[in-house]
PDB file of N, CA and C in Angstrom:
ATOM      1  N   UNK A   1      13.077   0.452 -11.823  1.00  0.00           N
ATOM      2  CA  UNK A   1      11.902  -0.154 -11.745  1.00  0.00           C
ATOM      3  C   UNK A   1      11.755  -1.200 -10.801  1.00  0.00           C
ATOM      4  N   UNK A   2      10.813  -1.389  -9.951  1.00  0.00           N
ATOM      5  CA  UNK A   2      10.765  -2.480  -9.208  1.00  0.00           C
ATOM      6  C   UNK A   2      10.179  -3.563  -9.955  1.00  0.00           C
ATOM      7  N   UNK A   3      10.534  -4.728  -9.694  1.00  0.00           N
ATOM      8  CA  UNK A   3       9.817  -6.122 -10.176  1.00  0.00           C
ATOM      9  C   UNK A   3       9.611  -7.016  -9.038  1.00  0.00           C
ATOM     10  N   UNK A   4       8.272  -6.825  -8.229  1.00  0.00           N
ATOM     11  CA  UNK A   4       8.195  -7.747  -6.900  1.00  0.00           C
ATOM     12  C   UNK A   4       7.592  -9.180  -7.480  1.00  0.00           C
ATOM     13  N   UNK A   5       8.352 -10.117  -6.926  1.00  0.00           N
ATOM     14  CA  UNK A   5       7.756 -11.348  -7.278  1.00  0.00           C
ATOM     15  C   UNK A   5       7.445 -12.087  -5.932  1.00  0.00           C
ATOM     16  N   UNK A   6       8.093 -11.798  -4.693  1.00  0.00           N
ATOM     17  CA  UNK A   6       7.780 -12.471  -3.535  1.00  0.00           C
ATOM     18  C   UNK A   6       8.129 -11.633  -2.486  1.00  0.00           C
ATOM     19  N   UNK A   7       7.542 -11.613  -1.199  1.00  0.00           N
ATOM     20  CA  UNK A   7       7.966 -11.103  -0.118  1.00  0.00           C
ATOM     21  C   UNK A   7       6.948 -10.018   0.242  1.00  0.00           C
ATOM     22  N   UNK A   8       7.362  -8.921   1.226  1.00  0.00           N
ATOM     23  CA  UNK A   8       6.549  -7.760   1.562  1.00  0.00           C
ATOM     24  C   UNK A   8       6.681  -6.568   0.745  1.00  0.00           C
ATOM     25  N   UNK A   9       5.333  -6.138   0.463  1.00  0.00           N
ATOM     26  CA  UNK A   9       5.309  -4.983  -0.270  1.00  0.00           C
ATOM     27  C   UNK A   9       4.511  -3.827   0.490  1.00  0.00           C
ATOM     28  N   UNK A  10       5.165  -2.728   0.670  1.00  0.00           N
ATOM     29  CA  UNK A  10       4.928  -1.473   1.529  1.00  0.00           C
ATOM     30  C   UNK A  10       4.629  -0.337   0.746  1.00  0.00           C
ATOM     31  N   UNK A  11       3.711   0.384   0.842  1.00  0.00           N
ATOM     32  CA  UNK A  11       3.094   1.704   0.387  1.00  0.00           C
ATOM     33  C   UNK A  11       2.798   2.608   1.643  1.00  0.00           C
ATOM     34  N   UNK A  12       3.349   3.493   1.859  1.00  0.00           N
ATOM     35  CA  UNK A  12       3.323   4.349   3.223  1.00  0.00           C
ATOM     36  C   UNK A  12       2.145   5.408   2.955  1.00  0.00           C
ATOM     37  N   UNK A  13       1.674   5.680   1.794  1.00  0.00           N
ATOM     38  CA  UNK A  13       0.777   6.434   1.509  1.00  0.00           C
ATOM     39  C   UNK A  13       0.026   5.993   0.128  1.00  0.00           C
ATOM     40  N   UNK A  14      -0.689   4.775   0.493  1.00  0.00           N
ATOM     41  CA  UNK A  14      -1.224   3.975  -0.535  1.00  0.00           C
ATOM     42  C   UNK A  14      -2.319   4.460  -1.447  1.00  0.00           C
ATOM     43  N   UNK A  15      -2.860   5.574  -0.918  1.00  0.00           N
ATOM     44  CA  UNK A  15      -4.016   6.065  -1.925  1.00  0.00           C
ATOM     45  C   UNK A  15      -5.326   5.040  -1.896  1.00  0.00           C
ATOM     46  N   UNK A  16      -5.703   4.676  -3.176  1.00  0.00           N
ATOM     47  CA  UNK A  16      -6.726   3.658  -3.368  1.00  0.00           C
ATOM     48  C   UNK A  16      -6.215   2.434  -3.676  1.00  0.00           C
ATOM     49  N   UNK A  17      -4.812   2.338  -3.784  1.00  0.00           N
ATOM     50  CA  UNK A  17      -4.094   0.901  -3.759  1.00  0.00           C
ATOM     51  C   UNK A  17      -3.811   0.361  -5.138  1.00  0.00           C
ATOM     52  N   UNK A  18      -3.750   1.493  -6.201  1.00  0.00           N
ATOM     53  CA  UNK A  18      -3.429   1.230  -7.555  1.00  0.00           C
ATOM     54  C   UNK A  18      -2.255   0.542  -7.768  1.00  0.00           C
ATOM     55  N   UNK A  19      -1.256   1.034  -6.999  1.00  0.00           N
ATOM     56  CA  UNK A  19       0.198   0.142  -7.240  1.00  0.00           C
ATOM     57  C   UNK A  19       0.095  -1.016  -6.622  1.00  0.00           C
ATOM     58  N   UNK A  20      -0.621  -1.408  -5.624  1.00  0.00           N
ATOM     59  CA  UNK A  20      -0.810  -2.779  -5.100  1.00  0.00           C
ATOM     60  C   UNK A  20      -1.286  -3.754  -6.390  1.00  0.00           C
ATOM     61  N   UNK A  21      -2.401  -3.207  -6.858  1.00  0.00           N
ATOM     62  CA  UNK A  21      -3.036  -4.005  -7.809  1.00  0.00           C
ATOM     63  C   UNK A  21      -1.926  -4.142  -9.204  1.00  0.00           C
ATOM     64  N   UNK A  22      -1.247  -3.147  -9.493  1.00  0.00           N
ATOM     65  CA  UNK A  22      -0.526  -3.239 -10.535  1.00  0.00           C
ATOM     66  C   UNK A  22       0.807  -4.286 -10.093  1.00  0.00           C
ATOM     67  N   UNK A  23       1.025  -4.523  -8.757  1.00  0.00           N
ATOM     68  CA  UNK A  23       2.204  -5.097  -8.512  1.00  0.00           C
ATOM     69  C   UNK A  23       1.741  -6.623  -8.549  1.00  0.00           C
ATOM     70  N   UNK A  24       0.408  -6.879  -8.206  1.00  0.00           N
ATOM     71  CA  UNK A  24      -0.124  -8.329  -8.159  1.00  0.00           C
ATOM     72  C   UNK A  24      -0.461  -8.651  -9.776  1.00  0.00           C
ATOM     73  N   UNK A  25      -0.882  -7.890 -10.632  1.00  0.00           N
ATOM     74  CA  UNK A  25      -0.630  -7.999 -12.069  1.00  0.00           C
ATOM     75  C   UNK A  25       0.627  -8.393 -12.581  1.00  0.00           C
ATOM     76  N   UNK A  26       1.850  -7.679 -12.266  1.00  0.00           N
ATOM     77  CA  UNK A  26       2.985  -7.889 -12.747  1.00  0.00           C
ATOM     78  C   UNK A  26       3.303  -9.278 -12.281  1.00  0.00           C
ATOM     79  N   UNK A  27       3.267  -9.857 -10.991  1.00  0.00           N
ATOM     80  CA  UNK A  27       3.587 -10.994 -10.594  1.00  0.00           C
ATOM     81  C   UNK A  27       2.871 -12.230 -11.361  1.00  0.00           C
ATOM     82  N   UNK A  28       1.657 -11.804 -11.483  1.00  0.00           N
ATOM     83  CA  UNK A  28       0.858 -12.979 -12.577  1.00  0.00           C
ATOM     84  C   UNK A  28       1.353 -13.070 -13.904  1.00  0.00           C
ATOM     85  N   UNK A  29       1.632 -11.740 -14.363  1.00  0.00           N
ATOM     86  CA  UNK A  29       1.891 -11.759 -15.721  1.00  0.00           C
ATOM     87  C   UNK A  29       3.476 -12.324 -16.014  1.00  0.00           C
ATOM     88  N   UNK A  30       4.122 -12.465 -14.977  1.00  0.00           N
ATOM     89  CA  UNK A  30       5.665 -12.904 -15.097  1.00  0.00           C
ATOM     90  C   UNK A  30       5.404 -14.412 -14.353  1.00  0.00           C
ATOM     91  N   UNK A  31       4.272 -15.159 -14.347  1.00  0.00           N
ATOM     92  CA  UNK A  31       4.282 -16.558 -14.126  1.00  0.00           C
ATOM     93  C   UNK A  31       4.510 -16.874 -12.580  1.00  0.00           C
ATOM     94  N   UNK A  32       4.292 -15.619 -11.755  1.00  0.00           N
ATOM     95  CA  UNK A  32       4.261 -15.692 -10.426  1.00  0.00           C
ATOM     96  C   UNK A  32       3.035 -16.048  -9.659  1.00  0.00           C
ATOM     97  N   UNK A  33       2.963 -16.161  -8.409  1.00  0.00           N
ATOM     98  CA  UNK A  33       1.579 -16.374  -7.778  1.00  0.00           C
ATOM     99  C   UNK A  33       1.409 -15.071  -6.819  1.00  0.00           C
ATOM    100  N   UNK A  34       0.300 -14.652  -7.015  1.00  0.00           N
ATOM    101  CA  UNK A  34      -0.132 -13.390  -5.959  1.00  0.00           C
ATOM    102  C   UNK A  34       0.106 -13.771  -4.377  1.00  0.00           C
ATOM    103  N   UNK A  35      -0.152 -14.963  -4.274  1.00  0.00           N
ATOM    104  CA  UNK A  35       0.102 -15.615  -2.825  1.00  0.00           C
ATOM    105  C   UNK A  35       1.589 -15.256  -2.450  1.00  0.00           C
ATOM    106  N   UNK A  36       2.318 -15.134  -3.202  1.00  0.00           N
ATOM    107  CA  UNK A  36       3.852 -14.933  -2.669  1.00  0.00           C
ATOM    108  C   UNK A  36       4.294 -13.709  -2.149  1.00  0.00           C
ATOM    109  N   UNK A  37       3.280 -12.972  -2.165  1.00  0.00           N
ATOM    110  CA  UNK A  37       3.465 -11.465  -1.559  1.00  0.00           C
ATOM    111  C   UNK A  37       2.521 -10.990  -0.576  1.00  0.00           C
ATOM    112  N   UNK A  38       3.074 -10.286   0.361  1.00  0.00           N
ATOM    113  CA  UNK A  38       2.174  -9.648   1.472  1.00  0.00           C
ATOM    114  C   UNK A  38       2.049  -8.261   1.327  1.00  0.00           C
ATOM    115  N   UNK A  39       0.835  -7.603   1.417  1.00  0.00           N
ATOM    116  CA  UNK A  39       0.625  -6.288   1.012  1.00  0.00           C
ATOM    117  C   UNK A  39       0.393  -5.579   2.417  1.00  0.00           C
ATOM    118  N   UNK A  40       1.239  -4.388   2.703  1.00  0.00           N
ATOM    119  CA  UNK A  40       1.188  -3.610   3.748  1.00  0.00           C
ATOM    120  C   UNK A  40       1.010  -2.169   2.888  1.00  0.00           C
ATOM    121  N   UNK A  41       0.155  -1.449   3.881  1.00  0.00           N
ATOM    122  CA  UNK A  41      -0.136   0.014   3.324  1.00  0.00           C
ATOM    123  C   UNK A  41      -0.625   0.847   4.451  1.00  0.00           C
ATOM    124  N   UNK A  42      -0.706   1.984   4.079  1.00  0.00           N
ATOM    125  CA  UNK A  42      -1.259   3.177   5.284  1.00  0.00           C
ATOM    126  C   UNK A  42      -1.778   4.550   4.370  1.00  0.00           C
ATOM    127  N   UNK A  43      -2.822   4.827   4.927  1.00  0.00           N
ATOM    128  CA  UNK A  43      -3.531   5.885   4.275  1.00  0.00           C
ATOM    129  C   UNK A  43      -3.950   6.745   5.189  1.00  0.00           C
ATOM    130  N   UNK A  44      -3.834   8.081   5.236  1.00  0.00           N
ATOM    131  CA  UNK A  44      -4.406   8.998   6.339  1.00  0.00           C
ATOM    132  C   UNK A  44      -5.907   9.502   6.203  1.00  0.00           C
ATOM    133  N   UNK A  45      -6.302   9.571   4.938  1.00  0.00           N
ATOM    134  CA  UNK A  45      -7.717   9.842   4.320  1.00  0.00           C
ATOM    135  C   UNK A  45      -8.647   8.557   4.670  1.00  0.00           C
ATOM    136  N   UNK A  46      -9.549   8.884   5.665  1.00  0.00           N
ATOM    137  CA  UNK A  46     -10.467   7.821   6.024  1.00  0.00           C
ATOM    138  C   UNK A  46     -11.236   7.250   4.972  1.00  0.00           C
ATOM    139  N   UNK A  47     -11.837   8.109   3.887  1.00  0.00           N
ATOM    140  CA  UNK A  47     -12.467   7.610   2.773  1.00  0.00           C
ATOM    141  C   UNK A  47     -11.730   6.813   1.930  1.00  0.00           C
ATOM    142  N   UNK A  48     -10.502   7.234   1.602  1.00  0.00           N
ATOM    143  CA  UNK A  48      -9.510   6.341   0.827  1.00  0.00           C
ATOM    144  C   UNK A  48      -9.114   5.315   1.431  1.00  0.00           C
ATOM    145  N   UNK A  49      -8.986   5.269   2.737  1.00  0.00           N
ATOM    146  CA  UNK A  49      -8.453   4.093   3.399  1.00  0.00           C
ATOM    147  C   UNK A  49      -9.471   2.752   3.301  1.00  0.00           C
ATOM    148  N   UNK A  50     -10.841   3.176   3.520  1.00  0.00           N
ATOM    149  CA  UNK A  50     -11.952   2.374   3.016  1.00  0.00           C
ATOM    150  C   UNK A  50     -11.783   1.956   1.703  1.00  0.00           C
ATOM    151  N   UNK A  51     -11.639   2.835   0.724  1.00  0.00           N
ATOM    152  CA  UNK A  51     -11.704   2.653  -0.514  1.00  0.00           C
ATOM    153  C   UNK A  51     -10.577   1.497  -1.036  1.00  0.00           C
ATOM    154  N   UNK A  52      -9.479   1.696  -0.537  1.00  0.00           N
ATOM    155  CA  UNK A  52      -8.262   0.854  -0.867  1.00  0.00           C
ATOM    156  C   UNK A  52      -8.477  -0.619  -0.190  1.00  0.00           C
ATOM    157  N   UNK A  53      -9.264  -0.489   1.070  1.00  0.00           N
ATOM    158  CA  UNK A  53      -9.376  -1.825   1.667  1.00  0.00           C
ATOM    159  C   UNK A  53     -10.882  -2.705   0.728  1.00  0.00           C
ATOM    160  N   UNK A  54     -11.534  -1.861   0.219  1.00  0.00           N
ATOM    161  CA  UNK A  54     -12.735  -2.492  -0.987  1.00  0.00           C
ATOM    162  C   UNK A  54     -12.005  -2.884  -2.175  1.00  0.00           C
ATOM    163  N   UNK A  55     -11.003  -2.120  -2.591  1.00  0.00           N
ATOM    164  CA  UNK A  55     -10.473  -2.334  -3.869  1.00  0.00           C
ATOM    165  C   UNK A  55      -9.466  -3.531  -3.619  1.00  0.00           C
ATOM    166  N   UNK A  56      -8.923  -3.751  -2.816  1.00  0.00           N
ATOM    167  CA  UNK A  56      -7.998  -5.083  -2.685  1.00  0.00           C
ATOM    168  C   UNK A  56      -8.935  -6.369  -2.293  1.00  0.00           C
ATOM    169  N   UNK A  57      -9.948  -6.206  -1.469  1.00  0.00           N
ATOM    170  CA  UNK A  57     -10.735  -7.241  -0.802  1.00  0.00           C
ATOM    171  C   UNK A  57     -11.779  -7.892  -1.994  1.00  0.00           C
ATOM    172  N   UNK A  58     -11.964  -6.927  -3.057  1.00  0.00           N
ATOM    173  CA  UNK A  58     -12.864  -7.426  -4.243  1.00  0.00           C
ATOM    174  C   UNK A  58     -11.987  -8.187  -5.217  1.00  0.00           C
ATOM    175  N   UNK A  59     -10.815  -7.925  -5.102  1.00  0.00           N
ATOM    176  CA  UNK A  59      -9.753  -8.459  -6.109  1.00  0.00           C
ATOM    177  C   UNK A  59      -9.389  -9.960  -5.359  1.00  0.00           C
ATOM    178  N   UNK A  60      -9.478 -10.178  -4.188  1.00  0.00           N
ATOM    179  CA  UNK A  60      -9.317 -11.440  -3.287  1.00  0.00           C
ATOM    180  C   UNK A  60      -7.817 -11.179  -2.673  1.00  0.00           C
ATOM    181  N   UNK A  61      -7.149 -10.078  -2.602  1.00  0.00           N
ATOM    182  CA  UNK A  61      -5.812  -9.930  -2.180  1.00  0.00           C
ATOM    183  C   UNK A  61      -5.799  -9.846  -0.446  1.00  0.00           C
ATOM    184  N   UNK A  62      -5.022 -10.279   0.027  1.00  0.00           N
ATOM    185  CA  UNK A  62      -4.596 -10.227   1.398  1.00  0.00           C
ATOM    186  C   UNK A  62      -4.000  -9.028   1.868  1.00  0.00           C
ATOM    187  N   UNK A  63      -4.326  -8.165   2.855  1.00  0.00           N
ATOM    188  CA  UNK A  63      -3.590  -6.925   2.904  1.00  0.00           C
ATOM    189  C   UNK A  63      -3.667  -6.557   4.569  1.00  0.00           C
ATOM    190  N   UNK A  64      -2.841  -5.789   4.835  1.00  0.00           N
ATOM    191  CA  UNK A  64      -2.789  -5.182   6.069  1.00  0.00           C
ATOM    192  C   UNK A  64      -2.567  -3.584   6.207  1.00  0.00           C
ATOM    193  N   UNK A  65      -3.598  -2.936   6.367  1.00  0.00           N
ATOM    194  CA  UNK A  65      -3.595  -1.222   6.030  1.00  0.00           C
ATOM    195  C   UNK A  65      -3.373  -0.678   7.516  1.00  0.00           C
ATOM    196  N   UNK A  66      -3.011  -1.631   8.587  1.00  0.00           N
ATOM    197  CA  UNK A  66      -3.053  -0.964   9.751  1.00  0.00           C
ATOM    198  C   UNK A  66      -4.631  -0.855  10.431  1.00  0.00           C
ATOM    199  N   UNK A  67      -4.544  -0.424  11.792  1.00  0.00           N
ATOM    200  CA  UNK A  67      -6.018  -0.758  12.221  1.00  0.00           C
ATOM    201  C   UNK A  67      -6.925   0.535  12.232  1.00  0.00           C
ATOM    202  N   UNK A  68      -6.171   1.650  11.476  1.00  0.00           N
ATOM    203  CA  UNK A  68      -6.905   2.899  11.360  1.00  0.00           C
ATOM    204  C   UNK A  68      -6.284   3.615  10.287  1.00  0.00           C
ATOM    205  N   UNK A  69      -7.004   4.689   9.652  1.00  0.00           N
ATOM    206  CA  UNK A  69      -6.476   5.685   8.859  1.00  0.00           C
ATOM    207  C   UNK A  69      -5.535   6.390   9.700  1.00  0.00           C
ATOM    208  N   UNK A  70      -4.296   6.602   9.325  1.00  0.00           N
ATOM    209  CA  UNK A  70      -3.220   7.481   9.983  1.00  0.00           C
ATOM    210  C   UNK A  70      -2.095   7.998   8.968  1.00  0.00           C
ATOM    211  N   UNK A  71      -1.567   9.143   9.481  1.00  0.00           N
ATOM    212  CA  UNK A  71      -0.369   9.738   8.841  1.00  0.00           C
ATOM    213  C   UNK A  71       0.842   8.866   8.957  1.00  0.00           C
ATOM    214  N   UNK A  72       1.515   8.491   8.095  1.00  0.00           N
ATOM    215  CA  UNK A  72       2.615   7.653   8.248  1.00  0.00           C
ATOM    216  C   UNK A  72       3.897   8.401   9.069  1.00  0.00           C
ATOM    217  N   UNK A  73       3.926   9.649   9.024  1.00  0.00           N
ATOM    218  CA  UNK A  73       4.804  10.350   9.618  1.00  0.00           C
ATOM    219  C   UNK A  73       4.611  10.601  11.221  1.00  0.00           C
ATOM    220  N   UNK A  74       3.438  10.736  11.652  1.00  0.00           N
ATOM    221  CA  UNK A  74       2.806  10.838  12.835  1.00  0.00           C
ATOM    222  C   UNK A  74       2.314   9.682  13.561  1.00  0.00           C
ATOM    223  N   UNK A  75       1.694   8.700  12.914  1.00  0.00           N
ATOM    224  CA  UNK A  75       1.262   7.631  13.405  1.00  0.00           C
ATOM    225  C   UNK A  75       1.304   6.345  12.712  1.00  0.00           C
ATOM    226  N   UNK A  76       2.523   5.828  12.581  1.00  0.00           N
ATOM    227  CA  UNK A  76       3.008   4.800  11.714  1.00  0.00           C
ATOM    228  C   UNK A  76       2.251   3.369  12.305  1.00  0.00           C
ATOM    229  N   UNK A  77       1.513   2.866  11.296  1.00  0.00           N
ATOM    230  CA  UNK A  77       0.873   1.719  11.602  1.00  0.00           C
ATOM    231  C   UNK A  77       1.671   0.553  11.540  1.00  0.00           C
ATOM    232  N   UNK A  78       2.828   0.370  10.757  1.00  0.00           N
ATOM    233  CA  UNK A  78       3.603  -0.682  10.702  1.00  0.00           C
ATOM    234  C   UNK A  78       5.024  -0.456  11.315  1.00  0.00           C
ATOM    235  N   UNK A  79       5.226   0.000  12.563  1.00  0.00           N
ATOM    236  CA  UNK A  79       6.735   0.305  13.010  1.00  0.00           C
ATOM    237  C   UNK A  79       7.443  -0.802  13.062  1.00  0.00           C
ATOM    238  N   UNK A  80       7.147  -2.010  13.121  1.00  0.00           N
ATOM    239  CA  UNK A  80       8.386  -2.733  12.918  1.00  0.00           C
ATOM    240  C   UNK A  80       8.397  -3.779  11.635  1.00  0.00           C
ATOM    241  N   UNK A  81       7.580  -3.236  10.682  1.00  0.00           N
ATOM    242  CA  UNK A  81       7.738  -3.914   9.296  1.00  0.00           C
ATOM    243  C   UNK A  81       9.120  -3.670   8.858  1.00  0.00           C
ATOM    244  N   UNK A  82       9.570  -4.785   8.170  1.00  0.00           N
ATOM    245  CA  UNK A  82      10.942  -4.851   7.431  1.00  0.00           C
ATOM    246  C   UNK A  82      10.365  -5.158   6.079  1.00  0.00           C
ATOM    247  N   UNK A  83      10.009  -4.403   5.054  1.00  0.00           N
ATOM    248  CA  UNK A  83       9.437  -4.672   3.901  1.00  0.00           C
ATOM    249  C   UNK A  83      10.622  -4.734   2.930  1.00  0.00           C
ATOM    250  N   UNK A  84      10.216  -5.862   1.770  1.00  0.00           N
ATOM    251  CA  UNK A  84      11.082  -6.136   0.746  1.00  0.00           C
ATOM    252  C   UNK A  84      11.028  -5.096  -0.375  1.00  0.00           C
ATOM    253  N   UNK A  85       9.858  -4.582  -0.523  1.00  0.00           N
ATOM    254  CA  UNK A  85       9.589  -3.427  -1.593  1.00  0.00           C
ATOM    255  C   UNK A  85       8.837  -2.329  -0.982  1.00  0.00           C
ATOM    256  N   UNK A  86       9.125  -1.271  -1.347  1.00  0.00           N
ATOM    257  CA  UNK A  86       8.546   0.179  -0.900  1.00  0.00           C
ATOM    258  C   UNK A  86       8.175   0.902  -2.083  1.00  0.00           C
ATOM    259  N   UNK A  87       6.866   1.034  -2.188  1.00  0.00           N
ATOM    260  CA  UNK A  87       6.251   1.778  -3.395  1.00  0.00           C
ATOM    261  C   UNK A  87       5.767   2.972  -2.926  1.00  0.00           C
ATOM    262  N   UNK A  88       5.843   4.068  -3.543  1.00  0.00           N
ATOM    263  CA  UNK A  88       5.336   5.440  -2.968  1.00  0.00           C
ATOM    264  C   UNK A  88       5.360   6.298  -4.182  1.00  0.00           C
ATOM    265  N   UNK A  89       4.081   7.056  -4.406  1.00  0.00           N
ATOM    266  CA  UNK A  89       4.196   8.106  -5.216  1.00  0.00           C
ATOM    267  C   UNK A  89       4.230   9.482  -4.430  1.00  0.00           C
ATOM    268  N   UNK A  90       5.201  10.202  -4.685  1.00  0.00           N
ATOM    269  CA  UNK A  90       5.257  11.582  -3.895  1.00  0.00           C
ATOM    270  C   UNK A  90       3.930  12.537  -4.146  1.00  0.00           C
ATOM    271  N   UNK A  91       3.714  13.236  -3.291  1.00  0.00           N
ATOM    272  CA  UNK A  91       2.524  14.024  -3.140  1.00  0.00           C
ATOM    273  C   UNK A  91       2.728  15.256  -4.202  1.00  0.00           C
ATOM    274  N   UNK A  92       2.948  15.082  -5.340  1.00  0.00           N
ATOM    275  CA  UNK A  92       3.299  16.193  -6.203  1.00  0.00           C
ATOM    276  C   UNK A  92       1.997  17.132  -6.427  1.00  0.00           C
ATOM    277  N   UNK A  93       0.742  16.485  -6.302  1.00  0.00           N
ATOM    278  CA  UNK A  93      -0.460  17.136  -6.812  1.00  0.00           C
ATOM    279  C   UNK A  93      -0.989  17.852  -5.549  1.00  0.00           C
ATOM    280  N   UNK A  94      -0.438  17.895  -4.225  1.00  0.00           N
ATOM    281  CA  UNK A  94      -1.068  18.413  -3.104  1.00  0.00           C
ATOM    282  C   UNK A  94      -0.232  19.462  -2.395  1.00  0.00           C
ATOM    283  N   UNK A  95      -0.673  20.517  -2.395  1.00  0.00           N
ATOM    284  CA  UNK A  95       0.231  21.589  -1.967  1.00  0.00           C
ATOM    285  C   UNK A  95       0.319  21.582  -0.514  1.00  0.00           C
ATOM    286  N   UNK A  96      -0.670  21.138   0.330  1.00  0.00           N
ATOM    287  CA  UNK A  96      -0.729  21.262   1.670  1.00  0.00           C
ATOM    288  C   UNK A  96      -0.735  19.962   2.373  1.00  0.00           C
ATOM    289  N   UNK A  97       0.246  18.954   1.839  1.00  0.00           N
ATOM    290  CA  UNK A  97       0.197  17.579   2.140  1.00  0.00           C
ATOM    291  C   UNK A  97       0.502  17.345   3.614  1.00  0.00           C
ATOM    292  N   UNK A  98       1.189  18.391   4.231  1.00  0.00           N
ATOM    293  CA  UNK A  98       1.775  17.990   5.649  1.00  0.00           C
ATOM    294  C   UNK A  98       0.892  19.198   6.495  1.00  0.00           C
ATOM    295  N   UNK A  99       0.423  18.344   7.614  1.00  0.00           N
ATOM    296  CA  UNK A  99      -0.362  19.154   8.652  1.00  0.00           C
ATOM    297  C   UNK A  99       0.435  18.635   9.971  1.00  0.00           C
ATOM    298  N   UNK A 100       0.724  19.427  10.923  1.00  0.00           N
ATOM    299  CA  UNK A 100       1.420  19.099  12.206  1.00  0.00           C
ATOM    300  C   UNK A 100       0.178  18.517  13.261  1.00  0.00           C
ATOM    301  N   UNK A 101      -0.968  18.653  12.802  1.00  0.00           N
ATOM    302  CA  UNK A 101      -2.081  18.364  13.762  1.00  0.00           C
ATOM    303  C   UNK A 101      -2.176  16.881  14.087  1.00  0.00           C
TER     304      UNK A 101
END
């Protein structure tokens, strides 16, 4: 179980940003400050990419989702990022998660 308290948190396929929100709640519940982490993420679905941005913005979290929606494998938006924590949910519920396009 990850317990991020400070540093850079990265999710290479962040969906709507639920794990980011839970990380921030974890930090605050354990006496930390949400300002001690930097959120980096990437999402390939354009609608979901906008949703995660809205989800984090309405909570007042700073974040960097890259300049556009993109697949992490083919168009990495954070190629030089050295993250302290990497969060990821495997795509168990998506049978056609990979496309060479």
